[in-house]
Amino acid sequence: TTAGARWTNQIKETKMNINKAEKVEAAYDDACWFENFSSEGCYREAVDTALELGGIEIYNSNDGNSSKSFAPTITFKFDDLSTAQVTYGGVWL
């Protein structure tokens, strides 16, 4: 096994033991670092992952704003009581 394959297996094992918000953060980071997505792609990957994990949107910076952002700050809450704030620049727990 190569060092890269061992590293990938360690990451996969670690992801199995993290809460849902951390999985959203990992999805963003993976998209940016391993898939070389643009910031917009990383943002979209994080939002999609949050929705796939059953995240409930509890805040959206576009709500009540007259000027709408294509990448609003969105906060998701999950059934494991974790929360993730998805921004264009990253995911904050």
PDB file of N, CA and C in Angstrom:
ATOM      1  N   THR A   1       0.843  -1.187   0.000  1.00  0.00           N
ATOM      2  CA  THR A   1       0.000   0.000   0.000  1.00  0.00           C
ATOM      3  C   THR A   1       0.884   1.246   0.000  1.00  0.00           C
ATOM      4  N   THR A   2       0.525   2.198  -0.831  1.00  0.00           N
ATOM      5  CA  THR A   2       1.292   3.438  -0.882  1.00  0.00           C
ATOM      6  C   THR A   2       0.920   4.327   0.290  1.00  0.00           C
ATOM      7  N   ALA A   3       1.780   5.313   0.552  1.00  0.00           N
ATOM      8  CA  ALA A   3       1.507   6.254   1.646  1.00  0.00           C
ATOM      9  C   ALA A   3       0.208   7.009   1.386  1.00  0.00           C
ATOM     10  N   GLY A   4      -0.048   7.373   0.123  1.00  0.00           N
ATOM     11  CA  GLY A   4      -1.285   8.087  -0.221  1.00  0.00           C
ATOM     12  C   GLY A   4      -2.523   7.260   0.067  1.00  0.00           C
ATOM     13  N   ALA A   5      -2.473   5.981  -0.255  1.00  0.00           N
ATOM     14  CA  ALA A   5      -3.614   5.099  -0.004  1.00  0.00           C
ATOM     15  C   ALA A   5      -3.844   4.927   1.491  1.00  0.00           C
ATOM     16  N   ARG A   6      -2.751   4.808   2.263  1.00  0.00           N
ATOM     17  CA  ARG A   6      -2.900   4.707   3.728  1.00  0.00           C
ATOM     18  C   ARG A   6      -3.542   5.960   4.278  1.00  0.00           C
ATOM     19  N   TRP A   7      -3.107   7.124   3.777  1.00  0.00           N
ATOM     20  CA  TRP A   7      -3.663   8.403   4.237  1.00  0.00           C
ATOM     21  C   TRP A   7      -5.155   8.475   3.923  1.00  0.00           C
ATOM     22  N   THR A   8      -5.538   8.067   2.709  1.00  0.00           N
ATOM     23  CA  THR A   8      -6.946   8.073   2.318  1.00  0.00           C
ATOM     24  C   THR A   8      -7.753   7.155   3.224  1.00  0.00           C
ATOM     25  N   ASN A   9      -7.241   5.981   3.547  1.00  0.00           N
ATOM     26  CA  ASN A   9      -7.953   5.061   4.439  1.00  0.00           C
ATOM     27  C   ASN A   9      -8.098   5.640   5.840  1.00  0.00           C
ATOM     28  N   GLN A  10      -7.084   6.340   6.329  1.00  0.00           N
ATOM     29  CA  GLN A  10      -7.170   6.979   7.646  1.00  0.00           C
ATOM     30  C   GLN A  10      -8.253   8.041   7.652  1.00  0.00           C
ATOM     31  N   ILE A  11      -8.320   8.821   6.578  1.00  0.00           N
ATOM     32  CA  ILE A  11      -9.344   9.862   6.475  1.00  0.00           C
ATOM     33  C   ILE A  11     -10.731   9.224   6.481  1.00  0.00           C
ATOM     34  N   LYS A  12     -10.915   8.159   5.709  1.00  0.00           N
ATOM     35  CA  LYS A  12     -12.218   7.487   5.657  1.00  0.00           C
ATOM     36  C   LYS A  12     -12.611   6.943   7.031  1.00  0.00           C
ATOM     37  N   GLU A  13     -11.672   6.339   7.746  1.00  0.00           N
ATOM     38  CA  GLU A  13     -11.970   5.809   9.076  1.00  0.00           C
ATOM     39  C   GLU A  13     -12.333   6.932  10.039  1.00  0.00           C
ATOM     40  N   THR A  14     -11.639   8.042   9.948  1.00  0.00           N
ATOM     41  CA  THR A  14     -11.921   9.177  10.819  1.00  0.00           C
ATOM     42  C   THR A  14     -13.301   9.739  10.536  1.00  0.00           C
ATOM     43  N   LYS A  15     -13.694   9.832   9.269  1.00  0.00           N
ATOM     44  CA  LYS A  15     -14.994  10.391   8.897  1.00  0.00           C
ATOM     45  C   LYS A  15     -16.151   9.578   9.463  1.00  0.00           C
ATOM     46  N   MET A  16     -15.925   8.309   9.725  1.00  0.00           N
ATOM     47  CA  MET A  16     -16.990   7.468  10.260  1.00  0.00           C
ATOM     48  C   MET A  16     -17.280   7.800  11.727  1.00  0.00           C
ATOM     49  N   ASN A  17     -16.357   8.440  12.399  1.00  0.00           N
ATOM     50  CA  ASN A  17     -16.512   8.719  13.826  1.00  0.00           C
ATOM     51  C   ASN A  17     -16.730  10.194  14.117  1.00  0.00           C
ATOM     52  N   ILE A  18     -17.263  10.937  13.163  1.00  0.00           N
ATOM     53  CA  ILE A  18     -17.466  12.366  13.373  1.00  0.00           C
ATOM     54  C   ILE A  18     -18.949  12.695  13.263  1.00  0.00           C
ATOM     55  N   ASN A  19     -19.324  13.835  13.843  1.00  0.00           N
ATOM     56  CA  ASN A  19     -20.736  14.214  13.781  1.00  0.00           C
ATOM     57  C   ASN A  19     -21.075  14.771  12.393  1.00  0.00           C
ATOM     58  N   LYS A  20     -22.350  15.047  12.170  1.00  0.00           N
ATOM     59  CA  LYS A  20     -22.799  15.450  10.842  1.00  0.00           C
ATOM     60  C   LYS A  20     -22.238  16.799  10.422  1.00  0.00           C
ATOM     61  N   ALA A  21     -22.117  17.731  11.338  1.00  0.00           N
ATOM     62  CA  ALA A  21     -21.526  19.030  10.995  1.00  0.00           C
ATOM     63  C   ALA A  21     -20.080  18.859  10.544  1.00  0.00           C
ATOM     64  N   GLU A  22     -19.364  17.985  11.216  1.00  0.00           N
ATOM     65  CA  GLU A  22     -17.975  17.719  10.831  1.00  0.00           C
ATOM     66  C   GLU A  22     -17.904  17.047   9.457  1.00  0.00           C
ATOM     67  N   LYS A  23     -18.916  16.253   9.112  1.00  0.00           N
ATOM     68  CA  LYS A  23     -18.960  15.640   7.781  1.00  0.00           C
ATOM     69  C   LYS A  23     -19.161  16.712   6.705  1.00  0.00           C
ATOM     70  N   VAL A  24     -19.948  17.737   7.028  1.00  0.00           N
ATOM     71  CA  VAL A  24     -20.137  18.848   6.088  1.00  0.00           C
ATOM     72  C   VAL A  24     -18.810  19.589   5.906  1.00  0.00           C
ATOM     73  N   GLU A  25     -18.124  19.825   6.993  1.00  0.00           N
ATOM     74  CA  GLU A  25     -16.823  20.485   6.926  1.00  0.00           C
ATOM     75  C   GLU A  25     -15.836  19.648   6.102  1.00  0.00           C
ATOM     76  N   ALA A  26     -15.849  18.340   6.324  1.00  0.00           N
ATOM     77  CA  ALA A  26     -14.959  17.447   5.580  1.00  0.00           C
ATOM     78  C   ALA A  26     -15.292  17.460   4.087  1.00  0.00           C
ATOM     79  N   ALA A  27     -16.581  17.538   3.750  1.00  0.00           N
ATOM     80  CA  ALA A  27     -16.987  17.583   2.344  1.00  0.00           C
ATOM     81  C   ALA A  27     -16.450  18.845   1.677  1.00  0.00           C
ATOM     82  N   TYR A  28     -16.530  19.971   2.376  1.00  0.00           N
ATOM     83  CA  TYR A  28     -15.992  21.228   1.845  1.00  0.00           C
ATOM     84  C   TYR A  28     -14.486  21.106   1.638  1.00  0.00           C
ATOM     85  N   ASP A  29     -13.804  20.648   2.672  1.00  0.00           N
ATOM     86  CA  ASP A  29     -12.340  20.538   2.603  1.00  0.00           C
ATOM     87  C   ASP A  29     -11.897  19.565   1.516  1.00  0.00           C
ATOM     88  N   ASP A  30     -12.567  18.418   1.412  1.00  0.00           N
ATOM     89  CA  ASP A  30     -12.223  17.433   0.384  1.00  0.00           C
ATOM     90  C   ASP A  30     -12.402  18.022  -1.015  1.00  0.00           C
ATOM     91  N   ALA A  31     -13.505  18.756  -1.212  1.00  0.00           N
ATOM     92  CA  ALA A  31     -13.770  19.354  -2.521  1.00  0.00           C
ATOM     93  C   ALA A  31     -12.683  20.355  -2.890  1.00  0.00           C
ATOM     94  N   CYS A  32     -12.228  21.107  -1.915  1.00  0.00           N
ATOM     95  CA  CYS A  32     -11.196  22.120  -2.178  1.00  0.00           C
ATOM     96  C   CYS A  32      -9.813  21.509  -2.344  1.00  0.00           C
ATOM     97  N   TRP A  33      -9.452  20.623  -1.435  1.00  0.00           N
ATOM     98  CA  TRP A  33      -8.068  20.133  -1.395  1.00  0.00           C
ATOM     99  C   TRP A  33      -7.813  18.938  -2.298  1.00  0.00           C
ATOM    100  N   PHE A  34      -8.767  18.010  -2.368  1.00  0.00           N
ATOM    101  CA  PHE A  34      -8.526  16.787  -3.130  1.00  0.00           C
ATOM    102  C   PHE A  34      -9.133  16.815  -4.529  1.00  0.00           C
ATOM    103  N   GLU A  35     -10.243  17.528  -4.679  1.00  0.00           N
ATOM    104  CA  GLU A  35     -10.914  17.581  -5.979  1.00  0.00           C
ATOM    105  C   GLU A  35     -10.582  18.860  -6.745  1.00  0.00           C
ATOM    106  N   ASN A  36      -9.914  19.807  -6.088  1.00  0.00           N
ATOM    107  CA  ASN A  36      -9.531  21.082  -6.704  1.00  0.00           C
ATOM    108  C   ASN A  36     -10.721  21.861  -7.246  1.00  0.00           C
ATOM    109  N   PHE A  37     -11.851  21.789  -6.534  1.00  0.00           N
ATOM    110  CA  PHE A  37     -13.018  22.572  -6.922  1.00  0.00           C
ATOM    111  C   PHE A  37     -12.723  24.049  -6.678  1.00  0.00           C
ATOM    112  N   SER A  38     -13.470  24.910  -7.340  1.00  0.00           N
ATOM    113  CA  SER A  38     -13.413  26.337  -7.054  1.00  0.00           C
ATOM    114  C   SER A  38     -14.103  26.579  -5.714  1.00  0.00           C
ATOM    115  N   SER A  39     -13.973  27.779  -5.181  1.00  0.00           N
ATOM    116  CA  SER A  39     -14.652  28.100  -3.921  1.00  0.00           C
ATOM    117  C   SER A  39     -16.154  27.889  -4.041  1.00  0.00           C
ATOM    118  N   GLU A  40     -16.711  28.245  -5.195  1.00  0.00           N
ATOM    119  CA  GLU A  40     -18.147  28.053  -5.409  1.00  0.00           C
ATOM    120  C   GLU A  40     -18.506  26.565  -5.389  1.00  0.00           C
ATOM    121  N   GLY A  41     -17.655  25.739  -5.978  1.00  0.00           N
ATOM    122  CA  GLY A  41     -17.894  24.299  -5.978  1.00  0.00           C
ATOM    123  C   GLY A  41     -17.792  23.697  -4.591  1.00  0.00           C
ATOM    124  N   CYS A  42     -16.831  24.181  -3.801  1.00  0.00           N
ATOM    125  CA  CYS A  42     -16.675  23.703  -2.419  1.00  0.00           C
ATOM    126  C   CYS A  42     -17.903  24.075  -1.592  1.00  0.00           C
ATOM    127  N   TYR A  43     -18.364  25.309  -1.771  1.00  0.00           N
ATOM    128  CA  TYR A  43     -19.569  25.791  -1.079  1.00  0.00           C
ATOM    129  C   TYR A  43     -20.762  24.905  -1.443  1.00  0.00           C
ATOM    130  N   ARG A  44     -20.958  24.675  -2.736  1.00  0.00           N
ATOM    131  CA  ARG A  44     -22.086  23.874  -3.208  1.00  0.00           C
ATOM    132  C   ARG A  44     -22.018  22.450  -2.657  1.00  0.00           C
ATOM    133  N   GLU A  45     -20.806  21.880  -2.612  1.00  0.00           N
ATOM    134  CA  GLU A  45     -20.620  20.525  -2.079  1.00  0.00           C
ATOM    135  C   GLU A  45     -21.021  20.468  -0.606  1.00  0.00           C
ATOM    136  N   ALA A  46     -20.648  21.485   0.160  1.00  0.00           N
ATOM    137  CA  ALA A  46     -20.990  21.524   1.587  1.00  0.00           C
ATOM    138  C   ALA A  46     -22.498  21.649   1.792  1.00  0.00           C
ATOM    139  N   VAL A  47     -23.140  22.517   1.024  1.00  0.00           N
ATOM    140  CA  VAL A  47     -24.600  22.688   1.147  1.00  0.00           C
ATOM    141  C   VAL A  47     -25.301  21.391   0.759  1.00  0.00           C
ATOM    142  N   ASP A  48     -24.891  20.788  -0.343  1.00  0.00           N
ATOM    143  CA  ASP A  48     -25.509  19.526  -0.779  1.00  0.00           C
ATOM    144  C   ASP A  48     -25.343  18.431   0.274  1.00  0.00           C
ATOM    145  N   THR A  49     -24.158  18.350   0.872  1.00  0.00           N
ATOM    146  CA  THR A  49     -23.899  17.345   1.900  1.00  0.00           C
ATOM    147  C   THR A  49     -24.781  17.592   3.123  1.00  0.00           C
ATOM    148  N   ALA A  50     -24.901  18.850   3.528  1.00  0.00           N
ATOM    149  CA  ALA A  50     -25.752  19.181   4.678  1.00  0.00           C
ATOM    150  C   ALA A  50     -27.196  18.742   4.422  1.00  0.00           C
ATOM    151  N   LEU A  51     -27.685  18.992   3.237  1.00  0.00           N
ATOM    152  CA  LEU A  51     -29.059  18.599   2.905  1.00  0.00           C
ATOM    153  C   LEU A  51     -29.202  17.079   2.850  1.00  0.00           C
ATOM    154  N   GLU A  52     -28.204  16.399   2.273  1.00  0.00           N
ATOM    155  CA  GLU A  52     -28.234  14.929   2.202  1.00  0.00           C
ATOM    156  C   GLU A  52     -28.228  14.296   3.596  1.00  0.00           C
ATOM    157  N   LEU A  53     -27.579  14.966   4.544  1.00  0.00           N
ATOM    158  CA  LEU A  53     -27.504  14.450   5.918  1.00  0.00           C
ATOM    159  C   LEU A  53     -28.724  14.840   6.754  1.00  0.00           C
ATOM    160  N   GLY A  54     -29.707  15.473   6.113  1.00  0.00           N
ATOM    161  CA  GLY A  54     -30.935  15.836   6.811  1.00  0.00           C
ATOM    162  C   GLY A  54     -30.849  17.142   7.583  1.00  0.00           C
ATOM    163  N   GLY A  55     -29.877  17.989   7.234  1.00  0.00           N
ATOM    164  CA  GLY A  55     -29.724  19.265   7.921  1.00  0.00           C
ATOM    165  C   GLY A  55     -30.935  20.160   7.731  1.00  0.00           C
ATOM    166  N   ILE A  56     -31.299  20.839   8.784  1.00  0.00           N
ATOM    167  CA  ILE A  56     -32.399  21.799   8.745  1.00  0.00           C
ATOM    168  C   ILE A  56     -31.791  23.187   8.725  1.00  0.00           C
ATOM    169  N   GLU A  57     -32.179  23.983   7.743  1.00  0.00           N
ATOM    170  CA  GLU A  57     -31.669  25.340   7.623  1.00  0.00           C
ATOM    171  C   GLU A  57     -32.290  26.211   8.716  1.00  0.00           C
ATOM    172  N   ILE A  58     -31.449  26.709   9.615  1.00  0.00           N
ATOM    173  CA  ILE A  58     -31.960  27.547  10.702  1.00  0.00           C
ATOM    174  C   ILE A  58     -31.584  29.013  10.518  1.00  0.00           C
ATOM    175  N   TYR A  59     -30.712  29.296   9.546  1.00  0.00           N
ATOM    176  CA  TYR A  59     -30.347  30.671   9.242  1.00  0.00           C
ATOM    177  C   TYR A  59     -29.875  30.743   7.798  1.00  0.00           C
ATOM    178  N   ASN A  60     -30.280  31.811   7.116  1.00  0.00           N
ATOM    179  CA  ASN A  60     -29.827  32.074   5.757  1.00  0.00           C
ATOM    180  C   ASN A  60     -29.673  33.583   5.627  1.00  0.00           C
ATOM    181  N   SER A  61     -28.468  34.039   5.282  1.00  0.00           N
ATOM    182  CA  SER A  61     -28.209  35.476   5.227  1.00  0.00           C
ATOM    183  C   SER A  61     -29.017  36.182   4.134  1.00  0.00           C
ATOM    184  N   ASN A  62     -29.609  35.437   3.201  1.00  0.00           N
ATOM    185  CA  ASN A  62     -30.461  36.050   2.183  1.00  0.00           C
ATOM    186  C   ASN A  62     -31.856  36.358   2.709  1.00  0.00           C
ATOM    187  N   ASP A  63     -32.273  35.743   3.798  1.00  0.00           N
ATOM    188  CA  ASP A  63     -33.613  35.964   4.335  1.00  0.00           C
ATOM    189  C   ASP A  63     -33.780  37.427   4.743  1.00  0.00           C
ATOM    190  N   GLY A  64     -34.771  38.074   4.170  1.00  0.00           N
ATOM    191  CA  GLY A  64     -35.071  39.450   4.530  1.00  0.00           C
ATOM    192  C   GLY A  64     -34.132  40.483   3.927  1.00  0.00           C
ATOM    193  N   ASN A  65     -33.195  40.062   3.125  1.00  0.00           N
ATOM    194  CA  ASN A  65     -32.262  40.991   2.475  1.00  0.00           C
ATOM    195  C   ASN A  65     -32.790  41.385   1.108  1.00  0.00           C
ATOM    196  N   SER A  66     -32.653  42.664   0.765  1.00  0.00           N
ATOM    197  CA  SER A  66     -33.072  43.091  -0.569  1.00  0.00           C
ATOM    198  C   SER A  66     -32.038  42.703  -1.615  1.00  0.00           C
ATOM    199  N   SER A  67     -30.786  42.636  -1.217  1.00  0.00           N
ATOM    200  CA  SER A  67     -29.750  42.176  -2.155  1.00  0.00           C
ATOM    201  C   SER A  67     -29.417  40.732  -1.824  1.00  0.00           C
ATOM    202  N   LYS A  68     -29.542  39.870  -2.804  1.00  0.00           N
ATOM    203  CA  LYS A  68     -29.350  38.433  -2.595  1.00  0.00           C
ATOM    204  C   LYS A  68     -27.949  38.012  -3.006  1.00  0.00           C
ATOM    205  N   SER A  69     -27.340  37.162  -2.204  1.00  0.00           N
ATOM    206  CA  SER A  69     -26.025  36.622  -2.495  1.00  0.00           C
ATOM    207  C   SER A  69     -26.177  35.288  -3.211  1.00  0.00           C
ATOM    208  N   PHE A  70     -25.278  34.992  -4.157  1.00  0.00           N
ATOM    209  CA  PHE A  70     -25.311  33.685  -4.814  1.00  0.00           C
ATOM    210  C   PHE A  70     -24.760  32.607  -3.886  1.00  0.00           C
ATOM    211  N   ALA A  71     -24.062  33.018  -2.832  1.00  0.00           N
ATOM    212  CA  ALA A  71     -23.507  32.070  -1.861  1.00  0.00           C
ATOM    213  C   ALA A  71     -23.749  32.611  -0.455  1.00  0.00           C
ATOM    214  N   PRO A  72     -25.014  32.590  -0.012  1.00  0.00           N
ATOM    215  CA  PRO A  72     -25.310  33.133   1.307  1.00  0.00           C
ATOM    216  C   PRO A  72     -24.729  32.271   2.425  1.00  0.00           C
ATOM    217  N   THR A  73     -24.533  32.886   3.568  1.00  0.00           N
ATOM    218  CA  THR A  73     -24.164  32.120   4.755  1.00  0.00           C
ATOM    219  C   THR A  73     -25.396  31.353   5.199  1.00  0.00           C
ATOM    220  N   ILE A  74     -25.250  30.053   5.332  1.00  0.00           N
ATOM    221  CA  ILE A  74     -26.372  29.202   5.742  1.00  0.00           C
ATOM    222  C   ILE A  74     -25.928  28.379   6.941  1.00  0.00           C
ATOM    223  N   THR A  75     -26.763  28.368   7.977  1.00  0.00           N
ATOM    224  CA  THR A  75     -26.487  27.536   9.144  1.00  0.00           C
ATOM    225  C   THR A  75     -27.471  26.375   9.160  1.00  0.00           C
ATOM    226  N   PHE A  76     -26.925  25.169   9.316  1.00  0.00           N
ATOM    227  CA  PHE A  76     -27.724  23.949   9.369  1.00  0.00           C
ATOM    228  C   PHE A  76     -27.613  23.333  10.755  1.00  0.00           C
ATOM    229  N   LYS A  77     -28.734  22.786  11.228  1.00  0.00           N
ATOM    230  CA  LYS A  77     -28.751  22.022  12.479  1.00  0.00           C
ATOM    231  C   LYS A  77     -29.114  20.584  12.117  1.00  0.00           C
ATOM    232  N   PHE A  78     -28.469  19.644  12.820  1.00  0.00           N
ATOM    233  CA  PHE A  78     -28.662  18.225  12.527  1.00  0.00           C
ATOM    234  C   PHE A  78     -29.272  17.495  13.719  1.00  0.00           C
ATOM    235  N   ASP A  79     -29.791  16.300  13.458  1.00  0.00           N
ATOM    236  CA  ASP A  79     -30.446  15.530  14.515  1.00  0.00           C
ATOM    237  C   ASP A  79     -29.477  15.024  15.577  1.00  0.00           C
ATOM    238  N   ASP A  80     -28.167  15.123  15.326  1.00  0.00           N
ATOM    239  CA  ASP A  80     -27.199  14.761  16.367  1.00  0.00           C
ATOM    240  C   ASP A  80     -26.799  15.987  17.208  1.00  0.00           C
ATOM    241  N   LEU A  81     -27.574  17.083  17.026  1.00  0.00           N
ATOM    242  CA  LEU A  81     -27.430  18.349  17.750  1.00  0.00           C
ATOM    243  C   LEU A  81     -26.203  19.163  17.333  1.00  0.00           C
ATOM    244  N   SER A  82     -25.513  18.749  16.281  1.00  0.00           N
ATOM    245  CA  SER A  82     -24.390  19.537  15.777  1.00  0.00           C
ATOM    246  C   SER A  82     -24.916  20.602  14.819  1.00  0.00           C
ATOM    247  N   THR A  83     -24.153  21.671  14.633  1.00  0.00           N
ATOM    248  CA  THR A  83     -24.507  22.727  13.695  1.00  0.00           C
ATOM    249  C   THR A  83     -23.300  23.058  12.830  1.00  0.00           C
ATOM    250  N   ALA A  84     -23.585  23.440  11.590  1.00  0.00           N
ATOM    251  CA  ALA A  84     -22.544  23.833  10.651  1.00  0.00           C
ATOM    252  C   ALA A  84     -22.974  25.117   9.958  1.00  0.00           C
ATOM    253  N   GLN A  85     -22.103  26.097   9.964  1.00  0.00           N
ATOM    254  CA  GLN A  85     -22.345  27.344   9.242  1.00  0.00           C
ATOM    255  C   GLN A  85     -21.518  27.283   7.960  1.00  0.00           C
ATOM    256  N   VAL A  86     -22.215  27.238   6.839  1.00  0.00           N
ATOM    257  CA  VAL A  86     -21.556  27.128   5.541  1.00  0.00           C
ATOM    258  C   VAL A  86     -21.417  28.516   4.947  1.00  0.00           C
ATOM    259  N   THR A  87     -20.179  28.895   4.635  1.00  0.00           N
ATOM    260  CA  THR A  87     -19.894  30.180   3.996  1.00  0.00           C
ATOM    261  C   THR A  87     -19.112  29.916   2.716  1.00  0.00           C
ATOM    262  N   TYR A  88     -18.972  30.946   1.909  1.00  0.00           N
ATOM    263  CA  TYR A  88     -18.196  30.824   0.681  1.00  0.00           C
ATOM    264  C   TYR A  88     -16.735  30.467   0.987  1.00  0.00           C
ATOM    265  N   GLY A  89     -16.235  30.902   2.144  1.00  0.00           N
ATOM    266  CA  GLY A  89     -14.852  30.691   2.509  1.00  0.00           C
ATOM    267  C   GLY A  89     -14.584  29.485   3.376  1.00  0.00           C
ATOM    268  N   GLY A  90     -15.610  28.732   3.774  1.00  0.00           N
ATOM    269  CA  GLY A  90     -15.384  27.566   4.605  1.00  0.00           C
ATOM    270  C   GLY A  90     -16.607  27.190   5.414  1.00  0.00           C
ATOM    271  N   VAL A  91     -16.440  26.170   6.223  1.00  0.00           N
ATOM    272  CA  VAL A  91     -17.507  25.693   7.109  1.00  0.00           C
ATOM    273  C   VAL A  91     -17.039  25.909   8.540  1.00  0.00           C
ATOM    274  N   TRP A  92     -17.885  26.501   9.343  1.00  0.00           N
ATOM    275  CA  TRP A  92     -17.574  26.797  10.748  1.00  0.00           C
ATOM    276  C   TRP A  92     -18.489  25.978  11.635  1.00  0.00           C
ATOM    277  N   LEU A  93     -17.914  25.362  12.639  1.00  0.00           N
ATOM    278  CA  LEU A  93     -18.683  24.500  13.540  1.00  0.00           C
ATOM    279  C   LEU A  93     -19.001  25.218  14.822  1.00  0.00           C
TER     280      LEU A  93
END
